[in-house]
Amino acid sequence: NHDFFWDSMKPGGGGKPSGELLKSIE
C-alpha cells in the first residue's frame, strides 16, 4: 500500500487529468 501511495503523488501534482483517463472518469 505504501509503495503504491508514494507512486500516486508527485511534486506539482493535482488538478485534473486528461486524455483517456478523463474520458473514463466522465
mmCIF file of all heavy atoms, coordinates in Angstrom:
data_MODEL
# 
_entry.id   MODEL 
# 
loop_
_atom_site.group_PDB 
_atom_site.id 
_atom_site.type_symbol 
_atom_site.label_atom_id 
_atom_site.label_alt_id 
_atom_site.label_comp_id 
_atom_site.label_asym_id 
_atom_site.label_entity_id 
_atom_site.label_seq_id 
_atom_site.pdbx_PDB_ins_code 
_atom_site.Cartn_x 
_atom_site.Cartn_y 
_atom_site.Cartn_z 
_atom_site.occupancy 
_atom_site.B_iso_or_equiv 
_atom_site.pdbx_formal_charge 
_atom_site.auth_seq_id 
_atom_site.auth_comp_id 
_atom_site.auth_asym_id 
_atom_site.auth_atom_id 
_atom_site.pdbx_PDB_model_num 
ATOM 1   N N   . ASN A 1 1  ? 0.826   -1.212 0.000   1.00 0.00 ? 1  ASN A N   1 
ATOM 2   C CA  . ASN A 1 1  ? 0.000   0.000  0.000   1.00 0.00 ? 1  ASN A CA  1 
ATOM 3   C C   . ASN A 1 1  ? 0.855   1.254  0.000   1.00 0.00 ? 1  ASN A C   1 
ATOM 4   O O   . ASN A 1 1  ? 0.559   2.227  -0.711  1.00 0.00 ? 1  ASN A O   1 
ATOM 5   C CB  . ASN A 1 1  ? -0.915  0.013  1.227   1.00 0.00 ? 1  ASN A CB  1 
ATOM 6   C CG  . ASN A 1 1  ? -1.968  -1.076 1.189   1.00 0.00 ? 1  ASN A CG  1 
ATOM 7   O OD1 . ASN A 1 1  ? -2.162  -1.748 0.171   1.00 0.00 ? 1  ASN A OD1 1 
ATOM 8   N ND2 . ASN A 1 1  ? -2.649  -1.273 2.307   1.00 0.00 ? 1  ASN A ND2 1 
ATOM 9   N N   . HIS A 1 2  ? 1.912   1.253  0.807   1.00 0.00 ? 2  HIS A N   1 
ATOM 10  C CA  . HIS A 1 2  ? 2.741   2.450  0.881   1.00 0.00 ? 2  HIS A CA  1 
ATOM 11  C C   . HIS A 1 2  ? 3.569   2.652  -0.380  1.00 0.00 ? 2  HIS A C   1 
ATOM 12  O O   . HIS A 1 2  ? 3.717   3.795  -0.844  1.00 0.00 ? 2  HIS A O   1 
ATOM 13  C CB  . HIS A 1 2  ? 3.626   2.396  2.127   1.00 0.00 ? 2  HIS A CB  1 
ATOM 14  C CG  . HIS A 1 2  ? 2.895   2.757  3.377   1.00 0.00 ? 2  HIS A CG  1 
ATOM 15  N ND1 . HIS A 1 2  ? 2.120   1.850  4.064   1.00 0.00 ? 2  HIS A ND1 1 
ATOM 16  C CD2 . HIS A 1 2  ? 2.789   3.951  4.039   1.00 0.00 ? 2  HIS A CD2 1 
ATOM 17  C CE1 . HIS A 1 2  ? 1.577   2.462  5.114   1.00 0.00 ? 2  HIS A CE1 1 
ATOM 18  N NE2 . HIS A 1 2  ? 1.960   3.729  5.116   1.00 0.00 ? 2  HIS A NE2 1 
ATOM 19  N N   . ASP A 1 3  ? 4.095   1.578  -0.959  1.00 0.00 ? 3  ASP A N   1 
ATOM 20  C CA  . ASP A 1 3  ? 4.764   1.714  -2.254  1.00 0.00 ? 3  ASP A CA  1 
ATOM 21  C C   . ASP A 1 3  ? 3.830   2.367  -3.269  1.00 0.00 ? 3  ASP A C   1 
ATOM 22  O O   . ASP A 1 3  ? 4.229   3.244  -4.046  1.00 0.00 ? 3  ASP A O   1 
ATOM 23  C CB  . ASP A 1 3  ? 5.203   0.340  -2.782  1.00 0.00 ? 3  ASP A CB  1 
ATOM 24  C CG  . ASP A 1 3  ? 6.403   -0.229 -2.054  1.00 0.00 ? 3  ASP A CG  1 
ATOM 25  O OD1 . ASP A 1 3  ? 7.122   0.531  -1.381  1.00 0.00 ? 3  ASP A OD1 1 
ATOM 26  O OD2 . ASP A 1 3  ? 6.617   -1.460 -2.154  1.00 0.00 ? 3  ASP A OD2 1 
ATOM 27  N N   . PHE A 1 4  ? 2.579   1.929  -3.250  1.00 0.00 ? 4  PHE A N   1 
ATOM 28  C CA  . PHE A 1 4  ? 1.597   2.443  -4.207  1.00 0.00 ? 4  PHE A CA  1 
ATOM 29  C C   . PHE A 1 4  ? 1.244   3.902  -3.896  1.00 0.00 ? 4  PHE A C   1 
ATOM 30  O O   . PHE A 1 4  ? 1.074   4.725  -4.810  1.00 0.00 ? 4  PHE A O   1 
ATOM 31  C CB  . PHE A 1 4  ? 0.335   1.574  -4.163  1.00 0.00 ? 4  PHE A CB  1 
ATOM 32  C CG  . PHE A 1 4  ? -0.561  1.750  -5.351  1.00 0.00 ? 4  PHE A CG  1 
ATOM 33  C CD1 . PHE A 1 4  ? -0.460  0.919  -6.459  1.00 0.00 ? 4  PHE A CD1 1 
ATOM 34  C CD2 . PHE A 1 4  ? -1.513  2.760  -5.380  1.00 0.00 ? 4  PHE A CD2 1 
ATOM 35  C CE1 . PHE A 1 4  ? -1.276  1.098  -7.566  1.00 0.00 ? 4  PHE A CE1 1 
ATOM 36  C CE2 . PHE A 1 4  ? -2.330  2.950  -6.469  1.00 0.00 ? 4  PHE A CE2 1 
ATOM 37  C CZ  . PHE A 1 4  ? -2.217  2.110  -7.570  1.00 0.00 ? 4  PHE A CZ  1 
ATOM 38  N N   . PHE A 1 5  ? 1.142   4.233  -2.629  1.00 0.00 ? 5  PHE A N   1 
ATOM 39  C CA  . PHE A 1 5  ? 0.809   5.597  -2.208  1.00 0.00 ? 5  PHE A CA  1 
ATOM 40  C C   . PHE A 1 5  ? 1.870   6.586  -2.672  1.00 0.00 ? 5  PHE A C   1 
ATOM 41  O O   . PHE A 1 5  ? 1.542   7.655  -3.217  1.00 0.00 ? 5  PHE A O   1 
ATOM 42  C CB  . PHE A 1 5  ? 0.664   5.631  -0.685  1.00 0.00 ? 5  PHE A CB  1 
ATOM 43  C CG  . PHE A 1 5  ? 0.365   6.984  -0.111  1.00 0.00 ? 5  PHE A CG  1 
ATOM 44  C CD1 . PHE A 1 5  ? -0.696  7.757  -0.569  1.00 0.00 ? 5  PHE A CD1 1 
ATOM 45  C CD2 . PHE A 1 5  ? 1.145   7.493  0.930   1.00 0.00 ? 5  PHE A CD2 1 
ATOM 46  C CE1 . PHE A 1 5  ? -0.979  9.004  -0.009  1.00 0.00 ? 5  PHE A CE1 1 
ATOM 47  C CE2 . PHE A 1 5  ? 0.872   8.732  1.492   1.00 0.00 ? 5  PHE A CE2 1 
ATOM 48  C CZ  . PHE A 1 5  ? -0.191  9.490  1.022   1.00 0.00 ? 5  PHE A CZ  1 
ATOM 49  N N   . TRP A 1 6  ? 3.155   6.263  -2.460  1.00 0.00 ? 6  TRP A N   1 
ATOM 50  C CA  . TRP A 1 6  ? 4.209   7.190  -2.905  1.00 0.00 ? 6  TRP A CA  1 
ATOM 51  C C   . TRP A 1 6  ? 4.128   7.411  -4.411  1.00 0.00 ? 6  TRP A C   1 
ATOM 52  O O   . TRP A 1 6  ? 4.328   8.533  -4.891  1.00 0.00 ? 6  TRP A O   1 
ATOM 53  C CB  . TRP A 1 6  ? 5.597   6.658  -2.534  1.00 0.00 ? 6  TRP A CB  1 
ATOM 54  C CG  . TRP A 1 6  ? 5.783   6.250  -1.104  1.00 0.00 ? 6  TRP A CG  1 
ATOM 55  C CD1 . TRP A 1 6  ? 6.386   5.098  -0.655  1.00 0.00 ? 6  TRP A CD1 1 
ATOM 56  C CD2 . TRP A 1 6  ? 5.396   6.978  0.073   1.00 0.00 ? 6  TRP A CD2 1 
ATOM 57  N NE1 . TRP A 1 6  ? 6.385   5.057  0.719   1.00 0.00 ? 6  TRP A NE1 1 
ATOM 58  C CE2 . TRP A 1 6  ? 5.786   6.197  1.194   1.00 0.00 ? 6  TRP A CE2 1 
ATOM 59  C CE3 . TRP A 1 6  ? 4.756   8.192  0.300   1.00 0.00 ? 6  TRP A CE3 1 
ATOM 60  C CZ2 . TRP A 1 6  ? 5.559   6.594  2.506   1.00 0.00 ? 6  TRP A CZ2 1 
ATOM 61  C CZ3 . TRP A 1 6  ? 4.515   8.590  1.611   1.00 0.00 ? 6  TRP A CZ3 1 
ATOM 62  C CH2 . TRP A 1 6  ? 4.911   7.804  2.695   1.00 0.00 ? 6  TRP A CH2 1 
ATOM 63  N N   . ASP A 1 7  ? 3.817   6.351  -5.154  1.00 0.00 ? 7  ASP A N   1 
ATOM 64  C CA  . ASP A 1 7  ? 3.727   6.475  -6.610  1.00 0.00 ? 7  ASP A CA  1 
ATOM 65  C C   . ASP A 1 7  ? 2.495   7.260  -7.057  1.00 0.00 ? 7  ASP A C   1 
ATOM 66  O O   . ASP A 1 7  ? 2.421   7.675  -8.222  1.00 0.00 ? 7  ASP A O   1 
ATOM 67  C CB  . ASP A 1 7  ? 3.697   5.092  -7.260  1.00 0.00 ? 7  ASP A CB  1 
ATOM 68  C CG  . ASP A 1 7  ? 5.055   4.411  -7.244  1.00 0.00 ? 7  ASP A CG  1 
ATOM 69  O OD1 . ASP A 1 7  ? 6.063   5.115  -7.016  1.00 0.00 ? 7  ASP A OD1 1 
ATOM 70  O OD2 . ASP A 1 7  ? 5.114   3.185  -7.457  1.00 0.00 ? 7  ASP A OD2 1 
ATOM 71  N N   . SER A 1 8  ? 1.528   7.435  -6.171  1.00 0.00 ? 8  SER A N   1 
ATOM 72  C CA  . SER A 1 8  ? 0.303   8.164  -6.511  1.00 0.00 ? 8  SER A CA  1 
ATOM 73  C C   . SER A 1 8  ? 0.486   9.671  -6.452  1.00 0.00 ? 8  SER A C   1 
ATOM 74  O O   . SER A 1 8  ? -0.425  10.417 -6.820  1.00 0.00 ? 8  SER A O   1 
ATOM 75  C CB  . SER A 1 8  ? -0.835  7.761  -5.554  1.00 0.00 ? 8  SER A CB  1 
ATOM 76  O OG  . SER A 1 8  ? -1.243  6.429  -5.761  1.00 0.00 ? 8  SER A OG  1 
ATOM 77  N N   . MET A 1 9  ? 1.660   10.123 -5.984  1.00 0.00 ? 9  MET A N   1 
ATOM 78  C CA  . MET A 1 9  ? 1.895   11.560 -5.827  1.00 0.00 ? 9  MET A CA  1 
ATOM 79  C C   . MET A 1 9  ? 3.124   11.992 -6.620  1.00 0.00 ? 9  MET A C   1 
ATOM 80  O O   . MET A 1 9  ? 3.958   11.175 -7.003  1.00 0.00 ? 9  MET A O   1 
ATOM 81  C CB  . MET A 1 9  ? 2.112   11.892 -4.347  1.00 0.00 ? 9  MET A CB  1 
ATOM 82  C CG  . MET A 1 9  ? 0.916   11.594 -3.462  1.00 0.00 ? 9  MET A CG  1 
ATOM 83  S SD  . MET A 1 9  ? 1.180   12.051 -1.725  1.00 0.00 ? 9  MET A SD  1 
ATOM 84  C CE  . MET A 1 9  ? 2.346   10.782 -1.213  1.00 0.00 ? 9  MET A CE  1 
ATOM 85  N N   . LYS A 1 10 ? 3.210   13.285 -6.854  1.00 0.00 ? 10 LYS A N   1 
ATOM 86  C CA  . LYS A 1 10 ? 4.400   13.862 -7.484  1.00 0.00 ? 10 LYS A CA  1 
ATOM 87  C C   . LYS A 1 10 ? 4.475   15.341 -7.125  1.00 0.00 ? 10 LYS A C   1 
ATOM 88  O O   . LYS A 1 10 ? 3.451   15.971 -6.803  1.00 0.00 ? 10 LYS A O   1 
ATOM 89  C CB  . LYS A 1 10 ? 4.336   13.704 -9.007  1.00 0.00 ? 10 LYS A CB  1 
ATOM 90  C CG  . LYS A 1 10 ? 3.301   14.589 -9.678  1.00 0.00 ? 10 LYS A CG  1 
ATOM 91  C CD  . LYS A 1 10 ? 3.487   14.613 -11.195 1.00 0.00 ? 10 LYS A CD  1 
ATOM 92  C CE  . LYS A 1 10 ? 2.621   15.695 -11.839 1.00 0.00 ? 10 LYS A CE  1 
ATOM 93  N NZ  . LYS A 1 10 ? 2.896   15.811 -13.280 1.00 0.00 ? 10 LYS A NZ  1 
ATOM 94  N N   . PRO A 1 11 ? 5.658   15.925 -7.173  1.00 0.00 ? 11 PRO A N   1 
ATOM 95  C CA  . PRO A 1 11 ? 5.765   17.379 -6.991  1.00 0.00 ? 11 PRO A CA  1 
ATOM 96  C C   . PRO A 1 11 ? 4.997   18.094 -8.107  1.00 0.00 ? 11 PRO A C   1 
ATOM 97  O O   . PRO A 1 11 ? 5.074   17.701 -9.271  1.00 0.00 ? 11 PRO A O   1 
ATOM 98  C CB  . PRO A 1 11 ? 7.268   17.635 -7.099  1.00 0.00 ? 11 PRO A CB  1 
ATOM 99  C CG  . PRO A 1 11 ? 7.910   16.314 -6.829  1.00 0.00 ? 11 PRO A CG  1 
ATOM 100 C CD  . PRO A 1 11 ? 6.965   15.279 -7.333  1.00 0.00 ? 11 PRO A CD  1 
ATOM 101 N N   . GLY A 1 12 ? 4.243   19.111 -7.748  1.00 0.00 ? 12 GLY A N   1 
ATOM 102 C CA  . GLY A 1 12 ? 3.483   19.843 -8.752  1.00 0.00 ? 12 GLY A CA  1 
ATOM 103 C C   . GLY A 1 12 ? 2.310   19.067 -9.301  1.00 0.00 ? 12 GLY A C   1 
ATOM 104 O O   . GLY A 1 12 ? 1.883   19.296 -10.435 1.00 0.00 ? 12 GLY A O   1 
ATOM 105 N N   . GLY A 1 13 ? 1.780   18.132 -8.528  1.00 0.00 ? 13 GLY A N   1 
ATOM 106 C CA  . GLY A 1 13 ? 0.663   17.309 -8.991  1.00 0.00 ? 13 GLY A CA  1 
ATOM 107 C C   . GLY A 1 13 ? -0.684  17.963 -8.753  1.00 0.00 ? 13 GLY A C   1 
ATOM 108 O O   . GLY A 1 13 ? -0.805  19.170 -8.555  1.00 0.00 ? 13 GLY A O   1 
ATOM 109 N N   . GLY A 1 14 ? -1.721  17.122 -8.767  1.00 0.00 ? 14 GLY A N   1 
ATOM 110 C CA  . GLY A 1 14 ? -3.076  17.612 -8.544  1.00 0.00 ? 14 GLY A CA  1 
ATOM 111 C C   . GLY A 1 14 ? -3.729  18.114 -9.816  1.00 0.00 ? 14 GLY A C   1 
ATOM 112 O O   . GLY A 1 14 ? -3.284  17.834 -10.931 1.00 0.00 ? 14 GLY A O   1 
ATOM 113 N N   . GLY A 1 15 ? -4.794  18.846 -9.639  1.00 0.00 ? 15 GLY A N   1 
ATOM 114 C CA  . GLY A 1 15 ? -5.528  19.378 -10.783 1.00 0.00 ? 15 GLY A CA  1 
ATOM 115 C C   . GLY A 1 15 ? -6.444  18.336 -11.390 1.00 0.00 ? 15 GLY A C   1 
ATOM 116 O O   . GLY A 1 15 ? -7.053  17.530 -10.678 1.00 0.00 ? 15 GLY A O   1 
ATOM 117 N N   . LYS A 1 16 ? -6.491  18.315 -12.699 1.00 0.00 ? 16 LYS A N   1 
ATOM 118 C CA  . LYS A 1 16 ? -7.444  17.472 -13.420 1.00 0.00 ? 16 LYS A CA  1 
ATOM 119 C C   . LYS A 1 16 ? -6.705  16.622 -14.446 1.00 0.00 ? 16 LYS A C   1 
ATOM 120 O O   . LYS A 1 16 ? -5.781  17.099 -15.105 1.00 0.00 ? 16 LYS A O   1 
ATOM 121 C CB  . LYS A 1 16 ? -8.468  18.383 -14.126 1.00 0.00 ? 16 LYS A CB  1 
ATOM 122 C CG  . LYS A 1 16 ? -9.676  17.693 -14.696 1.00 0.00 ? 16 LYS A CG  1 
ATOM 123 C CD  . LYS A 1 16 ? -10.659 18.746 -15.218 1.00 0.00 ? 16 LYS A CD  1 
ATOM 124 C CE  . LYS A 1 16 ? -11.923 18.132 -15.785 1.00 0.00 ? 16 LYS A CE  1 
ATOM 125 N NZ  . LYS A 1 16 ? -12.893 19.153 -16.233 1.00 0.00 ? 16 LYS A NZ  1 
ATOM 126 N N   . PRO A 1 17 ? -7.083  15.364 -14.602 1.00 0.00 ? 17 PRO A N   1 
ATOM 127 C CA  . PRO A 1 17 ? -6.434  14.514 -15.606 1.00 0.00 ? 17 PRO A CA  1 
ATOM 128 C C   . PRO A 1 17 ? -6.867  14.893 -17.015 1.00 0.00 ? 17 PRO A C   1 
ATOM 129 O O   . PRO A 1 17 ? -7.720  15.770 -17.213 1.00 0.00 ? 17 PRO A O   1 
ATOM 130 C CB  . PRO A 1 17 ? -6.910  13.106 -15.244 1.00 0.00 ? 17 PRO A CB  1 
ATOM 131 C CG  . PRO A 1 17 ? -8.254  13.323 -14.635 1.00 0.00 ? 17 PRO A CG  1 
ATOM 132 C CD  . PRO A 1 17 ? -8.139  14.624 -13.875 1.00 0.00 ? 17 PRO A CD  1 
ATOM 133 N N   . SER A 1 18 ? -6.312  14.203 -17.980 1.00 0.00 ? 18 SER A N   1 
ATOM 134 C CA  . SER A 1 18 ? -6.674  14.468 -19.377 1.00 0.00 ? 18 SER A CA  1 
ATOM 135 C C   . SER A 1 18 ? -6.719  13.138 -20.125 1.00 0.00 ? 18 SER A C   1 
ATOM 136 O O   . SER A 1 18 ? -6.517  12.072 -19.557 1.00 0.00 ? 18 SER A O   1 
ATOM 137 C CB  . SER A 1 18 ? -5.648  15.408 -20.027 1.00 0.00 ? 18 SER A CB  1 
ATOM 138 O OG  . SER A 1 18 ? -4.339  14.837 -19.974 1.00 0.00 ? 18 SER A OG  1 
ATOM 139 N N   . GLY A 1 19 ? -6.997  13.208 -21.415 1.00 0.00 ? 19 GLY A N   1 
ATOM 140 C CA  . GLY A 1 19 ? -6.931  12.037 -22.276 1.00 0.00 ? 19 GLY A CA  1 
ATOM 141 C C   . GLY A 1 19 ? -7.929  10.952 -21.919 1.00 0.00 ? 19 GLY A C   1 
ATOM 142 O O   . GLY A 1 19 ? -9.046  11.228 -21.454 1.00 0.00 ? 19 GLY A O   1 
ATOM 143 N N   . GLU A 1 20 ? -7.513  9.703  -22.117 1.00 0.00 ? 20 GLU A N   1 
ATOM 144 C CA  . GLU A 1 20 ? -8.399  8.554  -21.904 1.00 0.00 ? 20 GLU A CA  1 
ATOM 145 C C   . GLU A 1 20 ? -8.822  8.416  -20.460 1.00 0.00 ? 20 GLU A C   1 
ATOM 146 O O   . GLU A 1 20 ? -9.942  7.973  -20.172 1.00 0.00 ? 20 GLU A O   1 
ATOM 147 C CB  . GLU A 1 20 ? -7.719  7.266  -22.373 1.00 0.00 ? 20 GLU A CB  1 
ATOM 148 C CG  . GLU A 1 20 ? -7.569  7.156  -23.881 1.00 0.00 ? 20 GLU A CG  1 
ATOM 149 C CD  . GLU A 1 20 ? -8.914  7.242  -24.594 1.00 0.00 ? 20 GLU A CD  1 
ATOM 150 O OE1 . GLU A 1 20 ? -9.878  6.576  -24.125 1.00 0.00 ? 20 GLU A OE1 1 
ATOM 151 O OE2 . GLU A 1 20 ? -9.012  7.962  -25.598 1.00 0.00 ? 20 GLU A OE2 1 
ATOM 152 N N   . LEU A 1 21 ? -7.952  8.782  -19.530 1.00 0.00 ? 21 LEU A N   1 
ATOM 153 C CA  . LEU A 1 21 ? -8.326  8.706  -18.117 1.00 0.00 ? 21 LEU A CA  1 
ATOM 154 C C   . LEU A 1 21 ? -9.501  9.631  -17.815 1.00 0.00 ? 21 LEU A C   1 
ATOM 155 O O   . LEU A 1 21 ? -10.473 9.219  -17.166 1.00 0.00 ? 21 LEU A O   1 
ATOM 156 C CB  . LEU A 1 21 ? -7.130  9.064  -17.230 1.00 0.00 ? 21 LEU A CB  1 
ATOM 157 C CG  . LEU A 1 21 ? -7.423  9.179  -15.733 1.00 0.00 ? 21 LEU A CG  1 
ATOM 158 C CD1 . LEU A 1 21 ? -7.967  7.864  -15.167 1.00 0.00 ? 21 LEU A CD1 1 
ATOM 159 C CD2 . LEU A 1 21 ? -6.160  9.611  -14.968 1.00 0.00 ? 21 LEU A CD2 1 
ATOM 160 N N   . LEU A 1 22 ? -9.435  10.853 -18.291 1.00 0.00 ? 22 LEU A N   1 
ATOM 161 C CA  . LEU A 1 22 ? -10.537 11.784 -18.059 1.00 0.00 ? 22 LEU A CA  1 
ATOM 162 C C   . LEU A 1 22 ? -11.821 11.282 -18.713 1.00 0.00 ? 22 LEU A C   1 
ATOM 163 O O   . LEU A 1 22 ? -12.902 11.337 -18.112 1.00 0.00 ? 22 LEU A O   1 
ATOM 164 C CB  . LEU A 1 22 ? -10.180 13.166 -18.587 1.00 0.00 ? 22 LEU A CB  1 
ATOM 165 C CG  . LEU A 1 22 ? -11.271 14.245 -18.400 1.00 0.00 ? 22 LEU A CG  1 
ATOM 166 C CD1 . LEU A 1 22 ? -11.631 14.421 -16.936 1.00 0.00 ? 22 LEU A CD1 1 
ATOM 167 C CD2 . LEU A 1 22 ? -10.821 15.571 -19.009 1.00 0.00 ? 22 LEU A CD2 1 
ATOM 168 N N   . LYS A 1 23 ? -11.720 10.748 -19.931 1.00 0.00 ? 23 LYS A N   1 
ATOM 169 C CA  . LYS A 1 23 ? -12.905 10.215 -20.611 1.00 0.00 ? 23 LYS A CA  1 
ATOM 170 C C   . LYS A 1 23 ? -13.519 9.069  -19.814 1.00 0.00 ? 23 LYS A C   1 
ATOM 171 O O   . LYS A 1 23 ? -14.753 8.970  -19.686 1.00 0.00 ? 23 LYS A O   1 
ATOM 172 C CB  . LYS A 1 23 ? -12.544 9.742  -22.015 1.00 0.00 ? 23 LYS A CB  1 
ATOM 173 C CG  . LYS A 1 23 ? -12.183 10.860 -22.985 1.00 0.00 ? 23 LYS A CG  1 
ATOM 174 C CD  . LYS A 1 23 ? -11.798 10.294 -24.344 1.00 0.00 ? 23 LYS A CD  1 
ATOM 175 C CE  . LYS A 1 23 ? -11.387 11.396 -25.319 1.00 0.00 ? 23 LYS A CE  1 
ATOM 176 N NZ  . LYS A 1 23 ? -10.972 10.834 -26.633 1.00 0.00 ? 23 LYS A NZ  1 
ATOM 177 N N   . SER A 1 24 ? -12.686 8.193  -19.269 1.00 0.00 ? 24 SER A N   1 
ATOM 178 C CA  . SER A 1 24 ? -13.179 7.058  -18.495 1.00 0.00 ? 24 SER A CA  1 
ATOM 179 C C   . SER A 1 24 ? -13.845 7.524  -17.208 1.00 0.00 ? 24 SER A C   1 
ATOM 180 O O   . SER A 1 24 ? -14.887 6.993  -16.800 1.00 0.00 ? 24 SER A O   1 
ATOM 181 C CB  . SER A 1 24 ? -12.032 6.096  -18.170 1.00 0.00 ? 24 SER A CB  1 
ATOM 182 O OG  . SER A 1 24 ? -11.507 5.520  -19.336 1.00 0.00 ? 24 SER A OG  1 
ATOM 183 N N   . ILE A 1 25 ? -13.248 8.510  -16.550 1.00 0.00 ? 25 ILE A N   1 
ATOM 184 C CA  . ILE A 1 25 ? -13.841 9.057  -15.324 1.00 0.00 ? 25 ILE A CA  1 
ATOM 185 C C   . ILE A 1 25 ? -15.186 9.700  -15.625 1.00 0.00 ? 25 ILE A C   1 
ATOM 186 O O   . ILE A 1 25 ? -16.178 9.476  -14.907 1.00 0.00 ? 25 ILE A O   1 
ATOM 187 C CB  . ILE A 1 25 ? -12.877 10.070 -14.673 1.00 0.00 ? 25 ILE A CB  1 
ATOM 188 C CG1 . ILE A 1 25 ? -11.680 9.336  -14.049 1.00 0.00 ? 25 ILE A CG1 1 
ATOM 189 C CG2 . ILE A 1 25 ? -13.595 10.902 -13.618 1.00 0.00 ? 25 ILE A CG2 1 
ATOM 190 C CD1 . ILE A 1 25 ? -10.606 10.248 -13.503 1.00 0.00 ? 25 ILE A CD1 1 
ATOM 191 N N   . GLU A 1 26 ? -15.246 10.492 -16.686 1.00 0.00 ? 26 GLU A N   1 
ATOM 192 C CA  . GLU A 1 26 ? -16.511 11.158 -17.040 1.00 0.00 ? 26 GLU A CA  1 
ATOM 193 C C   . GLU A 1 26 ? -17.578 10.142 -17.436 1.00 0.00 ? 26 GLU A C   1 
ATOM 194 O O   . GLU A 1 26 ? -18.764 10.319 -17.128 1.00 0.00 ? 26 GLU A O   1 
ATOM 195 C CB  . GLU A 1 26 ? -16.263 12.155 -18.165 1.00 0.00 ? 26 GLU A CB  1 
ATOM 196 C CG  . GLU A 1 26 ? -15.435 13.355 -17.710 1.00 0.00 ? 26 GLU A CG  1 
ATOM 197 C CD  . GLU A 1 26 ? -15.064 14.282 -18.846 1.00 0.00 ? 26 GLU A CD  1 
ATOM 198 O OE1 . GLU A 1 26 ? -15.083 13.845 -20.027 1.00 0.00 ? 26 GLU A OE1 1 
ATOM 199 O OE2 . GLU A 1 26 ? -14.766 15.465 -18.566 1.00 0.00 ? 26 GLU A OE2 1 
# 
